mmCIF file of all heavy atoms, coordinates in Angstrom:
data_MODEL
# 
_entry.id   MODEL 
# 
loop_
_atom_site.group_PDB 
_atom_site.id 
_atom_site.type_symbol 
_atom_site.label_atom_id 
_atom_site.label_alt_id 
_atom_site.label_comp_id 
_atom_site.label_asym_id 
_atom_site.label_entity_id 
_atom_site.label_seq_id 
_atom_site.pdbx_PDB_ins_code 
_atom_site.Cartn_x 
_atom_site.Cartn_y 
_atom_site.Cartn_z 
_atom_site.occupancy 
_atom_site.B_iso_or_equiv 
_atom_site.pdbx_formal_charge 
_atom_site.auth_seq_id 
_atom_site.auth_comp_id 
_atom_site.auth_asym_id 
_atom_site.auth_atom_id 
_atom_site.pdbx_PDB_model_num 
ATOM 1   N N   . ASP A 1 1  ? 29.379 214.075 113.241 1.00 0.00 ? 1  ASP A N   1 
ATOM 2   C CA  . ASP A 1 1  ? 28.642 214.900 112.271 1.00 0.00 ? 1  ASP A CA  1 
ATOM 3   C C   . ASP A 1 1  ? 29.535 215.343 111.117 1.00 0.00 ? 1  ASP A C   1 
ATOM 4   O O   . ASP A 1 1  ? 29.072 215.463 109.977 1.00 0.00 ? 1  ASP A O   1 
ATOM 5   C CB  . ASP A 1 1  ? 28.035 216.127 112.971 1.00 0.00 ? 1  ASP A CB  1 
ATOM 6   C CG  . ASP A 1 1  ? 26.846 215.765 113.841 1.00 0.00 ? 1  ASP A CG  1 
ATOM 7   O OD1 . ASP A 1 1  ? 26.290 214.661 113.670 1.00 0.00 ? 1  ASP A OD1 1 
ATOM 8   O OD2 . ASP A 1 1  ? 26.469 216.588 114.700 1.00 0.00 ? 1  ASP A OD2 1 
ATOM 9   N N   . PHE A 1 2  ? 30.805 215.576 111.403 1.00 0.00 ? 2  PHE A N   1 
ATOM 10  C CA  . PHE A 1 2  ? 31.660 216.144 110.363 1.00 0.00 ? 2  PHE A CA  1 
ATOM 11  C C   . PHE A 1 2  ? 32.063 215.138 109.286 1.00 0.00 ? 2  PHE A C   1 
ATOM 12  O O   . PHE A 1 2  ? 32.701 215.505 108.298 1.00 0.00 ? 2  PHE A O   1 
ATOM 13  C CB  . PHE A 1 2  ? 32.910 216.798 110.980 1.00 0.00 ? 2  PHE A CB  1 
ATOM 14  C CG  . PHE A 1 2  ? 33.680 215.932 111.930 1.00 0.00 ? 2  PHE A CG  1 
ATOM 15  C CD1 . PHE A 1 2  ? 34.522 214.936 111.471 1.00 0.00 ? 2  PHE A CD1 1 
ATOM 16  C CD2 . PHE A 1 2  ? 33.553 216.112 113.300 1.00 0.00 ? 2  PHE A CD2 1 
ATOM 17  C CE1 . PHE A 1 2  ? 35.226 214.137 112.344 1.00 0.00 ? 2  PHE A CE1 1 
ATOM 18  C CE2 . PHE A 1 2  ? 34.258 215.324 114.196 1.00 0.00 ? 2  PHE A CE2 1 
ATOM 19  C CZ  . PHE A 1 2  ? 35.101 214.326 113.716 1.00 0.00 ? 2  PHE A CZ  1 
ATOM 20  N N   . VAL A 1 3  ? 31.705 213.863 109.449 1.00 0.00 ? 3  VAL A N   1 
ATOM 21  C CA  . VAL A 1 3  ? 32.010 212.873 108.411 1.00 0.00 ? 3  VAL A CA  1 
ATOM 22  C C   . VAL A 1 3  ? 30.764 212.182 107.870 1.00 0.00 ? 3  VAL A C   1 
ATOM 23  O O   . VAL A 1 3  ? 30.857 211.388 106.936 1.00 0.00 ? 3  VAL A O   1 
ATOM 24  C CB  . VAL A 1 3  ? 33.001 211.799 108.903 1.00 0.00 ? 3  VAL A CB  1 
ATOM 25  C CG1 . VAL A 1 3  ? 34.301 212.440 109.351 1.00 0.00 ? 3  VAL A CG1 1 
ATOM 26  C CG2 . VAL A 1 3  ? 32.390 210.926 109.984 1.00 0.00 ? 3  VAL A CG2 1 
ATOM 27  N N   . LYS A 1 4  ? 29.616 212.483 108.420 1.00 0.00 ? 4  LYS A N   1 
ATOM 28  C CA  . LYS A 1 4  ? 28.382 211.840 107.962 1.00 0.00 ? 4  LYS A CA  1 
ATOM 29  C C   . LYS A 1 4  ? 28.161 212.094 106.476 1.00 0.00 ? 4  LYS A C   1 
ATOM 30  O O   . LYS A 1 4  ? 28.292 213.213 105.993 1.00 0.00 ? 4  LYS A O   1 
ATOM 31  C CB  . LYS A 1 4  ? 27.187 212.368 108.765 1.00 0.00 ? 4  LYS A CB  1 
ATOM 32  C CG  . LYS A 1 4  ? 27.040 211.736 110.137 1.00 0.00 ? 4  LYS A CG  1 
ATOM 33  C CD  . LYS A 1 4  ? 25.794 212.245 110.854 1.00 0.00 ? 4  LYS A CD  1 
ATOM 34  C CE  . LYS A 1 4  ? 25.672 211.594 112.223 1.00 0.00 ? 4  LYS A CE  1 
ATOM 35  N NZ  . LYS A 1 4  ? 24.503 212.119 112.974 1.00 0.00 ? 4  LYS A NZ  1 
ATOM 36  N N   . GLY A 1 5  ? 27.847 211.015 105.778 1.00 0.00 ? 5  GLY A N   1 
ATOM 37  C CA  . GLY A 1 5  ? 27.618 211.111 104.346 1.00 0.00 ? 5  GLY A CA  1 
ATOM 38  C C   . GLY A 1 5  ? 28.882 211.027 103.513 1.00 0.00 ? 5  GLY A C   1 
ATOM 39  O O   . GLY A 1 5  ? 28.810 210.946 102.278 1.00 0.00 ? 5  GLY A O   1 
ATOM 40  N N   . ARG A 1 6  ? 30.057 211.055 104.174 1.00 0.00 ? 6  ARG A N   1 
ATOM 41  C CA  . ARG A 1 6  ? 31.324 210.988 103.427 1.00 0.00 ? 6  ARG A CA  1 
ATOM 42  C C   . ARG A 1 6  ? 32.128 209.735 103.773 1.00 0.00 ? 6  ARG A C   1 
ATOM 43  O O   . ARG A 1 6  ? 32.805 209.182 102.910 1.00 0.00 ? 6  ARG A O   1 
ATOM 44  C CB  . ARG A 1 6  ? 32.179 212.217 103.730 1.00 0.00 ? 6  ARG A CB  1 
ATOM 45  C CG  . ARG A 1 6  ? 31.528 213.537 103.324 1.00 0.00 ? 6  ARG A CG  1 
ATOM 46  C CD  . ARG A 1 6  ? 32.517 214.689 103.431 1.00 0.00 ? 6  ARG A CD  1 
ATOM 47  N NE  . ARG A 1 6  ? 32.993 214.896 104.803 1.00 0.00 ? 6  ARG A NE  1 
ATOM 48  C CZ  . ARG A 1 6  ? 34.276 214.928 105.145 1.00 0.00 ? 6  ARG A CZ  1 
ATOM 49  N NH1 . ARG A 1 6  ? 35.216 214.780 104.241 1.00 0.00 ? 6  ARG A NH1 1 
ATOM 50  N NH2 . ARG A 1 6  ? 34.626 215.139 106.415 1.00 0.00 ? 6  ARG A NH2 1 
ATOM 51  N N   . PHE A 1 7  ? 32.102 209.316 105.025 1.00 0.00 ? 7  PHE A N   1 
ATOM 52  C CA  . PHE A 1 7  ? 32.893 208.171 105.485 1.00 0.00 ? 7  PHE A CA  1 
ATOM 53  C C   . PHE A 1 7  ? 31.976 206.988 105.769 1.00 0.00 ? 7  PHE A C   1 
ATOM 54  O O   . PHE A 1 7  ? 30.827 207.164 106.189 1.00 0.00 ? 7  PHE A O   1 
ATOM 55  C CB  . PHE A 1 7  ? 33.648 208.512 106.764 1.00 0.00 ? 7  PHE A CB  1 
ATOM 56  C CG  . PHE A 1 7  ? 34.751 209.519 106.606 1.00 0.00 ? 7  PHE A CG  1 
ATOM 57  C CD1 . PHE A 1 7  ? 34.940 210.237 105.436 1.00 0.00 ? 7  PHE A CD1 1 
ATOM 58  C CD2 . PHE A 1 7  ? 35.625 209.743 107.664 1.00 0.00 ? 7  PHE A CD2 1 
ATOM 59  C CE1 . PHE A 1 7  ? 35.964 211.168 105.302 1.00 0.00 ? 7  PHE A CE1 1 
ATOM 60  C CE2 . PHE A 1 7  ? 36.659 210.665 107.563 1.00 0.00 ? 7  PHE A CE2 1 
ATOM 61  C CZ  . PHE A 1 7  ? 36.817 211.383 106.386 1.00 0.00 ? 7  PHE A CZ  1 
ATOM 62  N N   . ILE A 1 8  ? 32.513 205.794 105.576 1.00 0.00 ? 8  ILE A N   1 
ATOM 63  C CA  . ILE A 1 8  ? 31.777 204.567 105.876 1.00 0.00 ? 8  ILE A CA  1 
ATOM 64  C C   . ILE A 1 8  ? 32.680 203.630 106.674 1.00 0.00 ? 8  ILE A C   1 
ATOM 65  O O   . ILE A 1 8  ? 33.781 203.292 106.213 1.00 0.00 ? 8  ILE A O   1 
ATOM 66  C CB  . ILE A 1 8  ? 31.289 203.859 104.607 1.00 0.00 ? 8  ILE A CB  1 
ATOM 67  C CG1 . ILE A 1 8  ? 30.372 204.777 103.797 1.00 0.00 ? 8  ILE A CG1 1 
ATOM 68  C CG2 . ILE A 1 8  ? 30.563 202.565 104.963 1.00 0.00 ? 8  ILE A CG2 1 
ATOM 69  C CD1 . ILE A 1 8  ? 30.007 204.216 102.433 1.00 0.00 ? 8  ILE A CD1 1 
ATOM 70  N N   . ILE A 1 9  ? 32.204 203.215 107.832 1.00 0.00 ? 9  ILE A N   1 
ATOM 71  C CA  . ILE A 1 9  ? 32.946 202.265 108.653 1.00 0.00 ? 9  ILE A CA  1 
ATOM 72  C C   . ILE A 1 9  ? 32.373 200.868 108.435 1.00 0.00 ? 9  ILE A C   1 
ATOM 73  O O   . ILE A 1 9  ? 31.152 200.699 108.280 1.00 0.00 ? 9  ILE A O   1 
ATOM 74  C CB  . ILE A 1 9  ? 32.887 202.656 110.152 1.00 0.00 ? 9  ILE A CB  1 
ATOM 75  C CG1 . ILE A 1 9  ? 33.813 201.772 110.981 1.00 0.00 ? 9  ILE A CG1 1 
ATOM 76  C CG2 . ILE A 1 9  ? 31.458 202.616 110.678 1.00 0.00 ? 9  ILE A CG2 1 
ATOM 77  C CD1 . ILE A 1 9  ? 33.947 202.236 112.431 1.00 0.00 ? 9  ILE A CD1 1 
ATOM 78  N N   . SER A 1 10 ? 33.246 199.876 108.418 1.00 0.00 ? 10 SER A N   1 
ATOM 79  C CA  . SER A 1 10 ? 32.802 198.493 108.253 1.00 0.00 ? 10 SER A CA  1 
ATOM 80  C C   . SER A 1 10 ? 33.840 197.577 108.896 1.00 0.00 ? 10 SER A C   1 
ATOM 81  O O   . SER A 1 10 ? 34.935 198.018 109.259 1.00 0.00 ? 10 SER A O   1 
ATOM 82  C CB  . SER A 1 10 ? 32.611 198.154 106.778 1.00 0.00 ? 10 SER A CB  1 
ATOM 83  O OG  . SER A 1 10 ? 33.834 198.262 106.070 1.00 0.00 ? 10 SER A OG  1 
ATOM 84  N N   . ARG A 1 11 ? 33.477 196.321 109.033 1.00 0.00 ? 11 ARG A N   1 
ATOM 85  C CA  . ARG A 1 11 ? 34.417 195.355 109.579 1.00 0.00 ? 11 ARG A CA  1 
ATOM 86  C C   . ARG A 1 11 ? 34.141 193.982 108.983 1.00 0.00 ? 11 ARG A C   1 
ATOM 87  O O   . ARG A 1 11 ? 33.001 193.677 108.606 1.00 0.00 ? 11 ARG A O   1 
ATOM 88  C CB  . ARG A 1 11 ? 34.348 195.312 111.109 1.00 0.00 ? 11 ARG A CB  1 
ATOM 89  C CG  . ARG A 1 11 ? 33.029 194.847 111.673 1.00 0.00 ? 11 ARG A CG  1 
ATOM 90  C CD  . ARG A 1 11 ? 32.947 195.077 113.177 1.00 0.00 ? 11 ARG A CD  1 
ATOM 91  N NE  . ARG A 1 11 ? 33.877 194.217 113.919 1.00 0.00 ? 11 ARG A NE  1 
ATOM 92  C CZ  . ARG A 1 11 ? 34.058 194.278 115.233 1.00 0.00 ? 11 ARG A CZ  1 
ATOM 93  N NH1 . ARG A 1 11 ? 33.393 195.175 115.953 1.00 0.00 ? 11 ARG A NH1 1 
ATOM 94  N NH2 . ARG A 1 11 ? 34.900 193.452 115.840 1.00 0.00 ? 11 ARG A NH2 1 
ATOM 95  N N   . ASP A 1 12 ? 35.193 193.188 108.930 1.00 0.00 ? 12 ASP A N   1 
ATOM 96  C CA  . ASP A 1 12 ? 35.108 191.811 108.456 1.00 0.00 ? 12 ASP A CA  1 
ATOM 97  C C   . ASP A 1 12 ? 35.718 190.950 109.553 1.00 0.00 ? 12 ASP A C   1 
ATOM 98  O O   . ASP A 1 12 ? 36.943 190.838 109.651 1.00 0.00 ? 12 ASP A O   1 
ATOM 99  C CB  . ASP A 1 12 ? 35.861 191.664 107.135 1.00 0.00 ? 12 ASP A CB  1 
ATOM 100 C CG  . ASP A 1 12 ? 35.716 190.283 106.537 1.00 0.00 ? 12 ASP A CG  1 
ATOM 101 O OD1 . ASP A 1 12 ? 35.399 189.331 107.269 1.00 0.00 ? 12 ASP A OD1 1 
ATOM 102 O OD2 . ASP A 1 12 ? 35.945 190.145 105.323 1.00 0.00 ? 12 ASP A OD2 1 
ATOM 103 N N   . ASN A 1 13 ? 34.882 190.376 110.392 1.00 0.00 ? 13 ASN A N   1 
ATOM 104 C CA  . ASN A 1 13 ? 35.380 189.592 111.528 1.00 0.00 ? 13 ASN A CA  1 
ATOM 105 C C   . ASN A 1 13 ? 36.128 188.338 111.088 1.00 0.00 ? 13 ASN A C   1 
ATOM 106 O O   . ASN A 1 13 ? 37.020 187.869 111.804 1.00 0.00 ? 13 ASN A O   1 
ATOM 107 C CB  . ASN A 1 13 ? 34.235 189.242 112.467 1.00 0.00 ? 13 ASN A CB  1 
ATOM 108 C CG  . ASN A 1 13 ? 33.680 190.452 113.201 1.00 0.00 ? 13 ASN A CG  1 
ATOM 109 O OD1 . ASN A 1 13 ? 34.383 191.456 113.373 1.00 0.00 ? 13 ASN A OD1 1 
ATOM 110 N ND2 . ASN A 1 13 ? 32.436 190.379 113.621 1.00 0.00 ? 13 ASN A ND2 1 
ATOM 111 N N   . ALA A 1 14 ? 35.791 187.811 109.944 1.00 0.00 ? 14 ALA A N   1 
ATOM 112 C CA  . ALA A 1 14 ? 36.506 186.635 109.442 1.00 0.00 ? 14 ALA A CA  1 
ATOM 113 C C   . ALA A 1 14 ? 37.961 186.979 109.130 1.00 0.00 ? 14 ALA A C   1 
ATOM 114 O O   . ALA A 1 14 ? 38.841 186.119 109.202 1.00 0.00 ? 14 ALA A O   1 
ATOM 115 C CB  . ALA A 1 14 ? 35.819 186.095 108.205 1.00 0.00 ? 14 ALA A CB  1 
ATOM 116 N N   . LYS A 1 15 ? 38.205 188.234 108.791 1.00 0.00 ? 15 LYS A N   1 
ATOM 117 C CA  . LYS A 1 15 ? 39.558 188.695 108.494 1.00 0.00 ? 15 LYS A CA  1 
ATOM 118 C C   . LYS A 1 15 ? 40.156 189.494 109.647 1.00 0.00 ? 15 LYS A C   1 
ATOM 119 O O   . LYS A 1 15 ? 41.271 190.005 109.526 1.00 0.00 ? 15 LYS A O   1 
ATOM 120 C CB  . LYS A 1 15 ? 39.556 189.554 107.231 1.00 0.00 ? 15 LYS A CB  1 
ATOM 121 C CG  . LYS A 1 15 ? 39.157 188.804 105.972 1.00 0.00 ? 15 LYS A CG  1 
ATOM 122 C CD  . LYS A 1 15 ? 39.227 189.707 104.764 1.00 0.00 ? 15 LYS A CD  1 
ATOM 123 C CE  . LYS A 1 15 ? 38.846 188.943 103.497 1.00 0.00 ? 15 LYS A CE  1 
ATOM 124 N NZ  . LYS A 1 15 ? 38.891 189.797 102.295 1.00 0.00 ? 15 LYS A NZ  1 
ATOM 125 N N   . ASN A 1 16 ? 39.401 189.623 110.744 1.00 0.00 ? 16 ASN A N   1 
ATOM 126 C CA  . ASN A 1 16 ? 39.874 190.424 111.884 1.00 0.00 ? 16 ASN A CA  1 
ATOM 127 C C   . ASN A 1 16 ? 40.324 191.810 111.448 1.00 0.00 ? 16 ASN A C   1 
ATOM 128 O O   . ASN A 1 16 ? 41.375 192.305 111.886 1.00 0.00 ? 16 ASN A O   1 
ATOM 129 C CB  . ASN A 1 16 ? 41.024 189.716 112.607 1.00 0.00 ? 16 ASN A CB  1 
ATOM 130 C CG  . ASN A 1 16 ? 40.554 188.526 113.404 1.00 0.00 ? 16 ASN A CG  1 
ATOM 131 O OD1 . ASN A 1 16 ? 39.423 188.494 113.886 1.00 0.00 ? 16 ASN A OD1 1 
ATOM 132 N ND2 . ASN A 1 16 ? 41.407 187.537 113.537 1.00 0.00 ? 16 ASN A ND2 1 
ATOM 133 N N   . THR A 1 17 ? 39.528 192.429 110.617 1.00 0.00 ? 17 THR A N   1 
ATOM 134 C CA  . THR A 1 17 ? 39.906 193.720 110.055 1.00 0.00 ? 17 THR A CA  1 
ATOM 135 C C   . THR A 1 17 ? 38.726 194.679 110.054 1.00 0.00 ? 17 THR A C   1 
ATOM 136 O O   . THR A 1 17 ? 37.589 194.280 109.771 1.00 0.00 ? 17 THR A O   1 
ATOM 137 C CB  . THR A 1 17 ? 40.442 193.566 108.618 1.00 0.00 ? 17 THR A CB  1 
ATOM 138 O OG1 . THR A 1 17 ? 41.544 192.651 108.623 1.00 0.00 ? 17 THR A OG1 1 
ATOM 139 C CG2 . THR A 1 17 ? 40.926 194.902 108.070 1.00 0.00 ? 17 THR A CG2 1 
ATOM 140 N N   . MET A 1 18 ? 39.031 195.925 110.368 1.00 0.00 ? 18 MET A N   1 
ATOM 141 C CA  . MET A 1 18 ? 38.035 196.991 110.296 1.00 0.00 ? 18 MET A CA  1 
ATOM 142 C C   . MET A 1 18 ? 38.482 197.992 109.229 1.00 0.00 ? 18 MET A C   1 
ATOM 143 O O   . MET A 1 18 ? 39.689 198.146 108.996 1.00 0.00 ? 18 MET A O   1 
ATOM 144 C CB  . MET A 1 18 ? 37.918 197.695 111.650 1.00 0.00 ? 18 MET A CB  1 
ATOM 145 C CG  . MET A 1 18 ? 36.977 198.885 111.671 1.00 0.00 ? 18 MET A CG  1 
ATOM 146 S SD  . MET A 1 18 ? 36.836 199.644 113.298 1.00 0.00 ? 18 MET A SD  1 
ATOM 147 C CE  . MET A 1 18 ? 38.489 200.280 113.536 1.00 0.00 ? 18 MET A CE  1 
ATOM 148 N N   . TYR A 1 19 ? 37.534 198.645 108.604 1.00 0.00 ? 19 TYR A N   1 
ATOM 149 C CA  . TYR A 1 19 ? 37.842 199.559 107.510 1.00 0.00 ? 19 TYR A CA  1 
ATOM 150 C C   . TYR A 1 19 ? 37.193 200.922 107.736 1.00 0.00 ? 19 TYR A C   1 
ATOM 151 O O   . TYR A 1 19 ? 36.202 201.054 108.441 1.00 0.00 ? 19 TYR A O   1 
ATOM 152 C CB  . TYR A 1 19 ? 37.336 198.988 106.186 1.00 0.00 ? 19 TYR A CB  1 
ATOM 153 C CG  . TYR A 1 19 ? 37.835 197.609 105.881 1.00 0.00 ? 19 TYR A CG  1 
ATOM 154 C CD1 . TYR A 1 19 ? 37.055 196.493 106.172 1.00 0.00 ? 19 TYR A CD1 1 
ATOM 155 C CD2 . TYR A 1 19 ? 39.088 197.410 105.302 1.00 0.00 ? 19 TYR A CD2 1 
ATOM 156 C CE1 . TYR A 1 19 ? 37.503 195.211 105.897 1.00 0.00 ? 19 TYR A CE1 1 
ATOM 157 C CE2 . TYR A 1 19 ? 39.544 196.126 105.022 1.00 0.00 ? 19 TYR A CE2 1 
ATOM 158 C CZ  . TYR A 1 19 ? 38.743 195.039 105.324 1.00 0.00 ? 19 TYR A CZ  1 
ATOM 159 O OH  . TYR A 1 19 ? 39.204 193.775 105.049 1.00 0.00 ? 19 TYR A OH  1 
ATOM 160 N N   . LEU A 1 20 ? 37.766 201.909 107.077 1.00 0.00 ? 20 LEU A N   1 
ATOM 161 C CA  . LEU A 1 20 ? 37.140 203.225 107.012 1.00 0.00 ? 20 LEU A CA  1 
ATOM 162 C C   . LEU A 1 20 ? 37.300 203.733 105.584 1.00 0.00 ? 20 LEU A C   1 
ATOM 163 O O   . LEU A 1 20 ? 38.414 204.054 105.161 1.00 0.00 ? 20 LEU A O   1 
ATOM 164 C CB  . LEU A 1 20 ? 37.774 204.204 108.001 1.00 0.00 ? 20 LEU A CB  1 
ATOM 165 C CG  . LEU A 1 20 ? 37.084 205.573 108.073 1.00 0.00 ? 20 LEU A CG  1 
ATOM 166 C CD1 . LEU A 1 20 ? 35.676 205.428 108.678 1.00 0.00 ? 20 LEU A CD1 1 
ATOM 167 C CD2 . LEU A 1 20 ? 37.919 206.566 108.891 1.00 0.00 ? 20 LEU A CD2 1 
ATOM 168 N N   . GLN A 1 21 ? 36.206 203.748 104.856 1.00 0.00 ? 21 GLN A N   1 
ATOM 169 C CA  . GLN A 1 21 ? 36.194 204.307 103.512 1.00 0.00 ? 21 GLN A CA  1 
ATOM 170 C C   . GLN A 1 21 ? 35.944 205.807 103.635 1.00 0.00 ? 21 GLN A C   1 
ATOM 171 O O   . GLN A 1 21 ? 34.912 206.219 104.156 1.00 0.00 ? 21 GLN A O   1 
ATOM 172 C CB  . GLN A 1 21 ? 35.108 203.651 102.657 1.00 0.00 ? 21 GLN A CB  1 
ATOM 173 C CG  . GLN A 1 21 ? 35.000 204.218 101.253 1.00 0.00 ? 21 GLN A CG  1 
ATOM 174 C CD  . GLN A 1 21 ? 36.232 203.929 100.418 1.00 0.00 ? 21 GLN A CD  1 
ATOM 175 O OE1 . GLN A 1 21 ? 36.763 202.823 100.441 1.00 0.00 ? 21 GLN A OE1 1 
ATOM 176 N NE2 . GLN A 1 21 ? 36.688 204.931 99.663  1.00 0.00 ? 21 GLN A NE2 1 
ATOM 177 N N   . MET A 1 22 ? 36.893 206.591 103.166 1.00 0.00 ? 22 MET A N   1 
ATOM 178 C CA  . MET A 1 22 ? 36.792 208.037 103.284 1.00 0.00 ? 22 MET A CA  1 
ATOM 179 C C   . MET A 1 22 ? 36.665 208.649 101.894 1.00 0.00 ? 22 MET A C   1 
ATOM 180 O O   . MET A 1 22 ? 37.572 208.503 101.070 1.00 0.00 ? 22 MET A O   1 
ATOM 181 C CB  . MET A 1 22 ? 38.033 208.592 103.995 1.00 0.00 ? 22 MET A CB  1 
ATOM 182 C CG  . MET A 1 22 ? 38.304 207.944 105.348 1.00 0.00 ? 22 MET A CG  1 
ATOM 183 S SD  . MET A 1 22 ? 39.629 208.737 106.268 1.00 0.00 ? 22 MET A SD  1 
ATOM 184 C CE  . MET A 1 22 ? 41.007 208.394 105.187 1.00 0.00 ? 22 MET A CE  1 
ATOM 185 N N   . ASN A 1 23 ? 35.549 209.302 101.651 1.00 0.00 ? 23 ASN A N   1 
ATOM 186 C CA  . ASN A 1 23 ? 35.273 209.936 100.364 1.00 0.00 ? 23 ASN A CA  1 
ATOM 187 C C   . ASN A 1 23 ? 35.134 211.444 100.538 1.00 0.00 ? 23 ASN A C   1 
ATOM 188 O O   . ASN A 1 23 ? 34.944 211.934 101.653 1.00 0.00 ? 23 ASN A O   1 
ATOM 189 C CB  . ASN A 1 23 ? 33.984 209.364 99.771  1.00 0.00 ? 23 ASN A CB  1 
ATOM 190 C CG  . ASN A 1 23 ? 34.033 207.872 99.581  1.00 0.00 ? 23 ASN A CG  1 
ATOM 191 O OD1 . ASN A 1 23 ? 35.032 207.312 99.124  1.00 0.00 ? 23 ASN A OD1 1 
ATOM 192 N ND2 . ASN A 1 23 ? 32.940 207.199 99.905  1.00 0.00 ? 23 ASN A ND2 1 
ATOM 193 N N   . SER A 1 24 ? 35.229 212.151 99.435  1.00 0.00 ? 24 SER A N   1 
ATOM 194 C CA  . SER A 1 24 ? 35.079 213.613 99.448  1.00 0.00 ? 24 SER A CA  1 
ATOM 195 C C   . SER A 1 24 ? 35.942 214.238 100.535 1.00 0.00 ? 24 SER A C   1 
ATOM 196 O O   . SER A 1 24 ? 35.479 215.068 101.326 1.00 0.00 ? 24 SER A O   1 
ATOM 197 C CB  . SER A 1 24 ? 33.610 213.994 99.653  1.00 0.00 ? 24 SER A CB  1 
ATOM 198 O OG  . SER A 1 24 ? 32.791 213.436 98.656  1.00 0.00 ? 24 SER A OG  1 
ATOM 199 N N   . LEU A 1 25 ? 37.185 213.840 100.565 1.00 0.00 ? 25 LEU A N   1 
ATOM 200 C CA  . LEU A 1 25 ? 38.078 214.312 101.615 1.00 0.00 ? 25 LEU A CA  1 
ATOM 201 C C   . LEU A 1 25 ? 38.329 215.806 101.519 1.00 0.00 ? 25 LEU A C   1 
ATOM 202 O O   . LEU A 1 25 ? 38.386 216.381 100.421 1.00 0.00 ? 25 LEU A O   1 
ATOM 203 C CB  . LEU A 1 25 ? 39.395 213.552 101.562 1.00 0.00 ? 25 LEU A CB  1 
ATOM 204 C CG  . LEU A 1 25 ? 39.319 212.133 102.149 1.00 0.00 ? 25 LEU A CG  1 
ATOM 205 C CD1 . LEU A 1 25 ? 40.467 211.284 101.664 1.00 0.00 ? 25 LEU A CD1 1 
ATOM 206 C CD2 . LEU A 1 25 ? 39.295 212.201 103.669 1.00 0.00 ? 25 LEU A CD2 1 
ATOM 207 N N   . LYS A 1 26 ? 38.476 216.422 102.690 1.00 0.00 ? 26 LYS A N   1 
ATOM 208 C CA  . LYS A 1 26 ? 38.707 217.860 102.792 1.00 0.00 ? 26 LYS A CA  1 
ATOM 209 C C   . LYS A 1 26 ? 40.037 218.095 103.508 1.00 0.00 ? 26 LYS A C   1 
ATOM 210 O O   . LYS A 1 26 ? 40.482 217.244 104.293 1.00 0.00 ? 26 LYS A O   1 
ATOM 211 C CB  . LYS A 1 26 ? 37.585 218.508 103.616 1.00 0.00 ? 26 LYS A CB  1 
ATOM 212 C CG  . LYS A 1 26 ? 36.186 218.229 103.105 1.00 0.00 ? 26 LYS A CG  1 
ATOM 213 C CD  . LYS A 1 26 ? 35.144 218.800 104.064 1.00 0.00 ? 26 LYS A CD  1 
ATOM 214 C CE  . LYS A 1 26 ? 33.730 218.498 103.605 1.00 0.00 ? 26 LYS A CE  1 
ATOM 215 N NZ  . LYS A 1 26 ? 32.717 219.040 104.541 1.00 0.00 ? 26 LYS A NZ  1 
ATOM 216 N N   . PRO A 1 27 ? 40.654 219.231 103.288 1.00 0.00 ? 27 PRO A N   1 
ATOM 217 C CA  . PRO A 1 27 ? 41.914 219.522 103.997 1.00 0.00 ? 27 PRO A CA  1 
ATOM 218 C C   . PRO A 1 27 ? 41.763 219.407 105.518 1.00 0.00 ? 27 PRO A C   1 
ATOM 219 O O   . PRO A 1 27 ? 42.713 218.998 106.199 1.00 0.00 ? 27 PRO A O   1 
ATOM 220 C CB  . PRO A 1 27 ? 42.222 220.953 103.564 1.00 0.00 ? 27 PRO A CB  1 
ATOM 221 C CG  . PRO A 1 27 ? 41.625 221.058 102.199 1.00 0.00 ? 27 PRO A CG  1 
ATOM 222 C CD  . PRO A 1 27 ? 40.355 220.251 102.277 1.00 0.00 ? 27 PRO A CD  1 
# 
């Protein structure tokens, strides 16, 4: 709940990589 609407998780299996886009970061 504390990251909903701010963070986005994704993955690219062709690159064997997972990502986390973090926006509106807070302390």
